[in-house]
PDB file of N, CA and C in Angstrom:
ATOM      1  N   MET A   1     124.861 118.029 102.741  1.00  0.00           N
ATOM      2  CA  MET A   1     125.842 118.226 103.825  1.00  0.00           C
ATOM      3  C   MET A   1     126.477 116.852 103.739  1.00  0.00           C
ATOM      4  N   LEU A   2     127.566 116.887 104.531  1.00  0.00           N
ATOM      5  CA  LEU A   2     128.394 115.559 104.689  1.00  0.00           C
ATOM      6  C   LEU A   2     128.107 114.603 105.659  1.00  0.00           C
ATOM      7  N   GLU A   3     128.096 113.482 105.370  1.00  0.00           N
ATOM      8  CA  GLU A   3     127.473 112.243 106.208  1.00  0.00           C
ATOM      9  C   GLU A   3     128.421 112.445 107.604  1.00  0.00           C
ATOM     10  N   GLY A   4     128.024 112.378 108.507  1.00  0.00           N
ATOM     11  CA  GLY A   4     128.560 111.978 109.719  1.00  0.00           C
ATOM     12  C   GLY A   4     129.297 113.585 110.236  1.00  0.00           C
ATOM     13  N   TYR A   5     128.738 114.730 109.673  1.00  0.00           N
ATOM     14  CA  TYR A   5     129.135 116.085 110.014  1.00  0.00           C
ATOM     15  C   TYR A   5     128.602 116.473 111.176  1.00  0.00           C
ATOM     16  N   THR A   6     128.929 117.154 112.299  1.00  0.00           N
ATOM     17  CA  THR A   6     128.498 117.695 113.595  1.00  0.00           C
ATOM     18  C   THR A   6     128.791 119.022 113.557  1.00  0.00           C
ATOM     19  N   ASP A   7     128.204 120.039 113.994  1.00  0.00           N
ATOM     20  CA  ASP A   7     128.349 121.131 114.370  1.00  0.00           C
ATOM     21  C   ASP A   7     129.382 121.255 115.753  1.00  0.00           C
ATOM     22  N   LYS A   8     129.847 122.319 116.119  1.00  0.00           N
ATOM     23  CA  LYS A   8     130.713 122.546 117.502  1.00  0.00           C
ATOM     24  C   LYS A   8     130.229 122.068 118.531  1.00  0.00           C
ATOM     25  N   LEU A   9     128.935 122.097 118.706  1.00  0.00           N
ATOM     26  CA  LEU A   9     128.182 121.221 119.783  1.00  0.00           C
ATOM     27  C   LEU A   9     127.720 120.055 119.508  1.00  0.00           C
ATOM     28  N   GLY A  10     127.952 119.451 118.327  1.00  0.00           N
ATOM     29  CA  GLY A  10     127.856 118.089 118.292  1.00  0.00           C
ATOM     30  C   GLY A  10     126.589 117.597 117.532  1.00  0.00           C
ATOM     31  N   ALA A  11     125.638 118.722 117.182  1.00  0.00           N
ATOM     32  CA  ALA A  11     124.716 118.515 116.455  1.00  0.00           C
ATOM     33  C   ALA A  11     124.903 117.926 115.111  1.00  0.00           C
ATOM     34  N   THR A  12     123.959 117.000 114.689  1.00  0.00           N
ATOM     35  CA  THR A  12     124.053 116.679 113.389  1.00  0.00           C
ATOM     36  C   THR A  12     123.168 117.523 112.242  1.00  0.00           C
ATOM     37  N   PRO A  13     123.165 117.284 111.022  1.00  0.00           N
ATOM     38  CA  PRO A  13     122.290 118.136 110.001  1.00  0.00           C
ATOM     39  C   PRO A  13     120.779 117.836 110.305  1.00  0.00           C
ATOM     40  N   PHE A  14     120.680 116.497 110.667  1.00  0.00           N
ATOM     41  CA  PHE A  14     119.272 116.170 110.986  1.00  0.00           C
ATOM     42  C   PHE A  14     118.616 117.145 112.084  1.00  0.00           C
ATOM     43  N   VAL A  15     119.443 117.140 113.108  1.00  0.00           N
ATOM     44  CA  VAL A  15     119.014 117.733 114.349  1.00  0.00           C
ATOM     45  C   VAL A  15     118.954 119.211 114.154  1.00  0.00           C
ATOM     46  N   LEU A  16     119.775 119.691 113.343  1.00  0.00           N
ATOM     47  CA  LEU A  16     119.760 121.215 113.148  1.00  0.00           C
ATOM     48  C   LEU A  16     118.600 121.731 112.380  1.00  0.00           C
ATOM     49  N   ASN A  17     118.372 120.898 111.292  1.00  0.00           N
ATOM     50  CA  ASN A  17     117.111 121.038 110.619  1.00  0.00           C
ATOM     51  C   ASN A  17     116.144 121.135 111.356  1.00  0.00           C
ATOM     52  N   LEU A  18     115.945 120.148 112.327  1.00  0.00           N
ATOM     53  CA  LEU A  18     114.698 119.838 113.191  1.00  0.00           C
ATOM     54  C   LEU A  18     114.484 121.290 113.942  1.00  0.00           C
ATOM     55  N   TYR A  19     115.748 121.564 114.674  1.00  0.00           N
ATOM     56  CA  TYR A  19     115.512 122.966 115.495  1.00  0.00           C
ATOM     57  C   TYR A  19     115.233 124.172 114.659  1.00  0.00           C
ATOM     58  N   LYS A  20     115.581 124.338 113.354  1.00  0.00           N
ATOM     59  CA  LYS A  20     115.154 125.055 112.349  1.00  0.00           C
ATOM     60  C   LYS A  20     113.590 125.070 111.995  1.00  0.00           C
ATOM     61  N   ILE A  21     113.265 124.074 111.680  1.00  0.00           N
ATOM     62  CA  ILE A  21     111.751 123.714 111.466  1.00  0.00           C
ATOM     63  C   ILE A  21     110.940 124.340 112.826  1.00  0.00           C
ATOM     64  N   LEU A  22     111.234 123.698 113.816  1.00  0.00           N
ATOM     65  CA  LEU A  22     110.804 124.119 115.050  1.00  0.00           C
ATOM     66  C   LEU A  22     110.648 125.890 115.676  1.00  0.00           C
ATOM     67  N   SER A  23     111.675 126.426 114.771  1.00  0.00           N
ATOM     68  CA  SER A  23     111.905 127.771 115.180  1.00  0.00           C
ATOM     69  C   SER A  23     110.959 128.744 114.211  1.00  0.00           C
ATOM     70  N   GLU A  24     110.860 127.963 113.120  1.00  0.00           N
ATOM     71  CA  GLU A  24     110.007 128.689 111.985  1.00  0.00           C
ATOM     72  C   GLU A  24     108.277 128.980 112.521  1.00  0.00           C
ATOM     73  N   GLN A  25     108.047 130.141 112.684  1.00  0.00           N
ATOM     74  CA  GLN A  25     106.814 130.380 113.124  1.00  0.00           C
ATOM     75  C   GLN A  25     105.694 129.922 111.756  1.00  0.00           C
ATOM     76  N   ARG A  26     106.210 129.893 110.848  1.00  0.00           N
ATOM     77  CA  ARG A  26     105.188 129.615 109.782  1.00  0.00           C
ATOM     78  C   ARG A  26     104.806 128.155 109.602  1.00  0.00           C
ATOM     79  N   TYR A  27     105.380 127.205 110.376  1.00  0.00           N
ATOM     80  CA  TYR A  27     105.090 125.726 110.558  1.00  0.00           C
ATOM     81  C   TYR A  27     104.384 125.709 111.818  1.00  0.00           C
ATOM     82  N   SER A  28     104.131 126.530 112.695  1.00  0.00           N
ATOM     83  CA  SER A  28     103.394 126.435 113.886  1.00  0.00           C
ATOM     84  C   SER A  28     101.904 125.808 113.940  1.00  0.00           C
ATOM     85  N   ASP A  29     101.422 125.761 112.768  1.00  0.00           N
ATOM     86  CA  ASP A  29     100.045 124.973 112.590  1.00  0.00           C
ATOM     87  C   ASP A  29     100.470 123.640 112.436  1.00  0.00           C
ATOM     88  N   VAL A  30     101.528 123.266 111.979  1.00  0.00           N
ATOM     89  CA  VAL A  30     101.949 121.722 111.708  1.00  0.00           C
ATOM     90  C   VAL A  30     102.832 121.268 112.656  1.00  0.00           C
ATOM     91  N   ILE A  31     103.875 122.051 113.221  1.00  0.00           N
ATOM     92  CA  ILE A  31     104.709 121.223 114.428  1.00  0.00           C
ATOM     93  C   ILE A  31     105.023 122.329 115.261  1.00  0.00           C
ATOM     94  N   THR A  32     105.188 122.064 116.528  1.00  0.00           N
ATOM     95  CA  THR A  32     105.433 123.002 117.493  1.00  0.00           C
ATOM     96  C   THR A  32     106.052 122.337 118.758  1.00  0.00           C
ATOM     97  N   TRP A  33     106.858 123.226 119.841  1.00  0.00           N
ATOM     98  CA  TRP A  33     106.948 122.629 120.758  1.00  0.00           C
ATOM     99  C   TRP A  33     106.016 122.296 121.906  1.00  0.00           C
ATOM    100  N   GLU A  34     106.208 121.366 122.519  1.00  0.00           N
ATOM    101  CA  GLU A  34     105.101 121.074 123.731  1.00  0.00           C
ATOM    102  C   GLU A  34     105.198 122.084 124.833  1.00  0.00           C
ATOM    103  N   GLN A  35     104.374 122.335 125.563  1.00  0.00           N
ATOM    104  CA  GLN A  35     104.422 123.467 126.503  1.00  0.00           C
ATOM    105  C   GLN A  35     105.821 123.312 127.324  1.00  0.00           C
ATOM    106  N   SER A  36     106.083 122.237 127.616  1.00  0.00           N
ATOM    107  CA  SER A  36     107.384 122.158 128.552  1.00  0.00           C
ATOM    108  C   SER A  36     108.638 122.613 127.784  1.00  0.00           C
ATOM    109  N   GLY A  37     108.736 122.572 126.446  1.00  0.00           N
ATOM    110  CA  GLY A  37     109.714 122.966 125.867  1.00  0.00           C
ATOM    111  C   GLY A  37     110.764 121.767 125.465  1.00  0.00           C
ATOM    112  N   THR A  38     110.378 120.672 126.094  1.00  0.00           N
ATOM    113  CA  THR A  38     111.321 119.424 125.973  1.00  0.00           C
ATOM    114  C   THR A  38     110.807 118.452 124.944  1.00  0.00           C
ATOM    115  N   LYS A  39     109.792 118.454 124.297  1.00  0.00           N
ATOM    116  CA  LYS A  39     109.025 117.908 123.188  1.00  0.00           C
ATOM    117  C   LYS A  39     108.502 118.505 122.203  1.00  0.00           C
ATOM    118  N   PHE A  40     108.312 117.900 121.006  1.00  0.00           N
ATOM    119  CA  PHE A  40     107.588 118.739 119.985  1.00  0.00           C
ATOM    120  C   PHE A  40     106.329 117.723 119.574  1.00  0.00           C
ATOM    121  N   ILE A  41     105.493 118.416 119.073  1.00  0.00           N
ATOM    122  CA  ILE A  41     104.259 117.873 118.553  1.00  0.00           C
ATOM    123  C   ILE A  41     104.164 117.959 117.035  1.00  0.00           C
ATOM    124  N   ILE A  42     103.903 117.063 116.457  1.00  0.00           N
ATOM    125  CA  ILE A  42     103.498 117.209 114.856  1.00  0.00           C
ATOM    126  C   ILE A  42     101.849 117.095 114.808  1.00  0.00           C
ATOM    127  N   LYS A  43     101.391 118.240 114.724  1.00  0.00           N
ATOM    128  CA  LYS A  43     100.176 118.375 114.842  1.00  0.00           C
ATOM    129  C   LYS A  43      99.203 118.032 113.600  1.00  0.00           C
ATOM    130  N   ASP A  44      99.810 118.116 112.610  1.00  0.00           N
ATOM    131  CA  ASP A  44      99.313 117.779 111.279  1.00  0.00           C
ATOM    132  C   ASP A  44     100.111 116.680 110.381  1.00  0.00           C
ATOM    133  N   LEU A  45     100.055 115.534 110.469  1.00  0.00           N
ATOM    134  CA  LEU A  45     101.115 114.426 109.701  1.00  0.00           C
ATOM    135  C   LEU A  45     101.225 114.841 108.432  1.00  0.00           C
ATOM    136  N   VAL A  46     100.047 114.999 107.787  1.00  0.00           N
ATOM    137  CA  VAL A  46     100.105 115.190 106.253  1.00  0.00           C
ATOM    138  C   VAL A  46     100.598 116.516 105.860  1.00  0.00           C
ATOM    139  N   GLY A  47     100.089 117.480 106.387  1.00  0.00           N
ATOM    140  CA  GLY A  47     101.005 118.673 106.379  1.00  0.00           C
ATOM    141  C   GLY A  47     102.361 118.858 106.371  1.00  0.00           C
ATOM    142  N   PHE A  48     102.908 118.127 107.709  1.00  0.00           N
ATOM    143  CA  PHE A  48     104.116 117.829 108.128  1.00  0.00           C
ATOM    144  C   PHE A  48     105.041 117.215 106.919  1.00  0.00           C
ATOM    145  N   SER A  49     104.373 115.958 106.463  1.00  0.00           N
ATOM    146  CA  SER A  49     105.014 115.207 105.387  1.00  0.00           C
ATOM    147  C   SER A  49     105.174 115.801 104.175  1.00  0.00           C
ATOM    148  N   PHE A  50     104.302 116.711 103.746  1.00  0.00           N
ATOM    149  CA  PHE A  50     104.308 117.224 102.367  1.00  0.00           C
ATOM    150  C   PHE A  50     104.724 118.941 102.288  1.00  0.00           C
ATOM    151  N   LYS A  51     104.296 119.411 103.203  1.00  0.00           N
ATOM    152  CA  LYS A  51     104.884 120.887 103.440  1.00  0.00           C
ATOM    153  C   LYS A  51     106.106 121.220 104.113  1.00  0.00           C
ATOM    154  N   VAL A  52     106.703 120.458 105.121  1.00  0.00           N
ATOM    155  CA  VAL A  52     107.646 120.877 105.514  1.00  0.00           C
ATOM    156  C   VAL A  52     109.239 119.701 105.266  1.00  0.00           C
ATOM    157  N   LEU A  53     108.888 118.442 105.523  1.00  0.00           N
ATOM    158  CA  LEU A  53     109.882 117.535 105.384  1.00  0.00           C
ATOM    159  C   LEU A  53     110.671 117.831 103.973  1.00  0.00           C
ATOM    160  N   PRO A  54     109.982 118.130 102.615  1.00  0.00           N
ATOM    161  CA  PRO A  54     110.697 118.130 101.647  1.00  0.00           C
ATOM    162  C   PRO A  54     111.498 119.462 101.612  1.00  0.00           C
ATOM    163  N   GLN A  55     111.246 120.451 102.477  1.00  0.00           N
ATOM    164  CA  GLN A  55     111.924 121.647 102.437  1.00  0.00           C
ATOM    165  C   GLN A  55     113.172 121.490 103.349  1.00  0.00           C
ATOM    166  N   TYR A  56     113.500 120.334 104.024  1.00  0.00           N
ATOM    167  CA  TYR A  56     114.533 120.254 104.988  1.00  0.00           C
ATOM    168  C   TYR A  56     115.202 118.939 104.685  1.00  0.00           C
ATOM    169  N   TYR A  57     114.634 117.971 104.327  1.00  0.00           N
ATOM    170  CA  TYR A  57     114.986 116.655 104.159  1.00  0.00           C
ATOM    171  C   TYR A  57     115.018 116.242 102.679  1.00  0.00           C
ATOM    172  N   ASP A  58     115.611 115.107 102.200  1.00  0.00           N
ATOM    173  CA  ASP A  58     115.404 114.485 101.009  1.00  0.00           C
ATOM    174  C   ASP A  58     114.266 113.629 100.876  1.00  0.00           C
ATOM    175  N   THR A  59     113.226 113.770 101.597  1.00  0.00           N
ATOM    176  CA  THR A  59     112.110 112.859 101.638  1.00  0.00           C
ATOM    177  C   THR A  59     110.840 113.528 102.317  1.00  0.00           C
ATOM    178  N   ASN A  60     109.650 112.931 102.009  1.00  0.00           N
ATOM    179  CA  ASN A  60     108.529 113.375 102.368  1.00  0.00           C
ATOM    180  C   ASN A  60     107.756 112.339 103.198  1.00  0.00           C
ATOM    181  N   LYS A  61     108.596 111.156 103.584  1.00  0.00           N
ATOM    182  CA  LYS A  61     108.086 110.069 104.288  1.00  0.00           C
ATOM    183  C   LYS A  61     108.237 110.089 105.891  1.00  0.00           C
ATOM    184  N   LEU A  62     107.271 110.141 106.195  1.00  0.00           N
ATOM    185  CA  LEU A  62     107.239 110.464 107.955  1.00  0.00           C
ATOM    186  C   LEU A  62     108.098 109.367 108.510  1.00  0.00           C
ATOM    187  N   ALA A  63     107.876 107.989 107.915  1.00  0.00           N
ATOM    188  CA  ALA A  63     108.398 106.929 108.595  1.00  0.00           C
ATOM    189  C   ALA A  63     109.995 106.916 108.719  1.00  0.00           C
ATOM    190  N   LEU A  64     110.493 107.636 107.468  1.00  0.00           N
ATOM    191  CA  LEU A  64     111.939 108.018 107.475  1.00  0.00           C
ATOM    192  C   LEU A  64     112.471 109.023 108.493  1.00  0.00           C
ATOM    193  N   PHE A  65     111.623 109.913 108.681  1.00  0.00           N
ATOM    194  CA  PHE A  65     111.881 110.715 109.570  1.00  0.00           C
ATOM    195  C   PHE A  65     111.776 110.514 110.936  1.00  0.00           C
ATOM    196  N   SER A  66     110.844 109.503 111.397  1.00  0.00           N
ATOM    197  CA  SER A  66     110.699 108.887 112.510  1.00  0.00           C
ATOM    198  C   SER A  66     112.095 107.970 112.867  1.00  0.00           C
ATOM    199  N   ARG A  67     112.142 107.078 111.774  1.00  0.00           N
ATOM    200  CA  ARG A  67     113.520 106.192 111.959  1.00  0.00           C
ATOM    201  C   ARG A  67     114.718 107.260 112.358  1.00  0.00           C
ATOM    202  N   GLN A  68     114.878 108.210 111.513  1.00  0.00           N
ATOM    203  CA  GLN A  68     116.086 109.163 112.060  1.00  0.00           C
ATOM    204  C   GLN A  68     115.727 109.668 113.511  1.00  0.00           C
ATOM    205  N   LEU A  69     114.720 109.858 114.066  1.00  0.00           N
ATOM    206  CA  LEU A  69     114.464 110.578 115.264  1.00  0.00           C
ATOM    207  C   LEU A  69     115.048 109.157 116.214  1.00  0.00           C
ATOM    208  N   SER A  70     114.825 108.158 115.804  1.00  0.00           N
ATOM    209  CA  SER A  70     115.037 106.877 116.665  1.00  0.00           C
ATOM    210  C   SER A  70     116.618 106.542 116.640  1.00  0.00           C
ATOM    211  N   VAL A  71     117.214 106.793 115.498  1.00  0.00           N
ATOM    212  CA  VAL A  71     118.608 106.408 115.409  1.00  0.00           C
ATOM    213  C   VAL A  71     119.288 107.671 116.316  1.00  0.00           C
ATOM    214  N   LYS A  72     118.977 108.875 116.299  1.00  0.00           N
ATOM    215  CA  LYS A  72     119.753 109.911 116.757  1.00  0.00           C
ATOM    216  C   LYS A  72     119.087 109.886 118.426  1.00  0.00           C
ATOM    217  N   ARG A  73     118.472 108.662 118.656  1.00  0.00           N
ATOM    218  CA  ARG A  73     117.687 108.953 120.272  1.00  0.00           C
ATOM    219  C   ARG A  73     117.082 109.917 120.529  1.00  0.00           C
ATOM    220  N   LEU A  74     116.394 110.487 119.774  1.00  0.00           N
ATOM    221  CA  LEU A  74     115.359 111.686 120.079  1.00  0.00           C
ATOM    222  C   LEU A  74     114.299 111.243 120.628  1.00  0.00           C
ATOM    223  N   ILE A  75     113.898 110.147 120.234  1.00  0.00           N
ATOM    224  CA  ILE A  75     112.569 109.402 120.945  1.00  0.00           C
ATOM    225  C   ILE A  75     112.800 108.275 121.884  1.00  0.00           C
ATOM    226  N   VAL A  76     111.933 107.943 122.465  1.00  0.00           N
ATOM    227  CA  VAL A  76     111.931 106.738 123.401  1.00  0.00           C
ATOM    228  C   VAL A  76     110.839 105.941 123.437  1.00  0.00           C
TER     229      VAL A  76
END
């Protein structure tokens, strides 16, 4: 995908992929929405790093994923 690309609503590929991951029932044992639906919880860090991240991002490093969350201002 193109660097700096956003969809019609302004979401970047990183955000779109995160939404796809959270929408996938097969990953619900690893990552899921928090009950309020405003936050997500990574329930299995190792599984997330090695099972999910490489499928959607160019890394399996949780630190890089966390950094992107921070850069996109998705965590406080």
